[in-house]
Amino acid sequence: MLKVLTEAVHKQQIKISLHAAEEALTEHITPAEIESALLSAQVLENYPDWWLGPSCLAYGRTRTGRDLHMVVSYSELPITIITVYEPRPPKWRTPTDRGGDE
């Protein structure tokens, strides 16, 4: 799965959903930051049977150290970024540890 994410970045095979684009604009997340975070991604949760197709919650850090979460549909290229955001309390204690309010 991580290989597919990296391959998508290198081949410029990334689509961004309308929802992800709106979230990115709200949080001032650039396409370059999404790509950078995908290159350092680790999978926090896998959703192989999700109705939108096999997807995962990926965590990555940009070159400048910004933590990002991305829900990515990865079944084939191009991958689709379904949502993107910075993990923050109270939903996230740390970038990889969920808080109490989900």
Foldseek 3Di string as FASTA:
>chain_A
DLVLLLVCLVVVFEAEDPQAVVQCVVAVNDPLQVSQFSNAKDFLAWDCPDPVHTWTWIWGAHPVGFIKTFIWHRPDTPIYTHHMDGDDPPQAPDSRHGHDDD
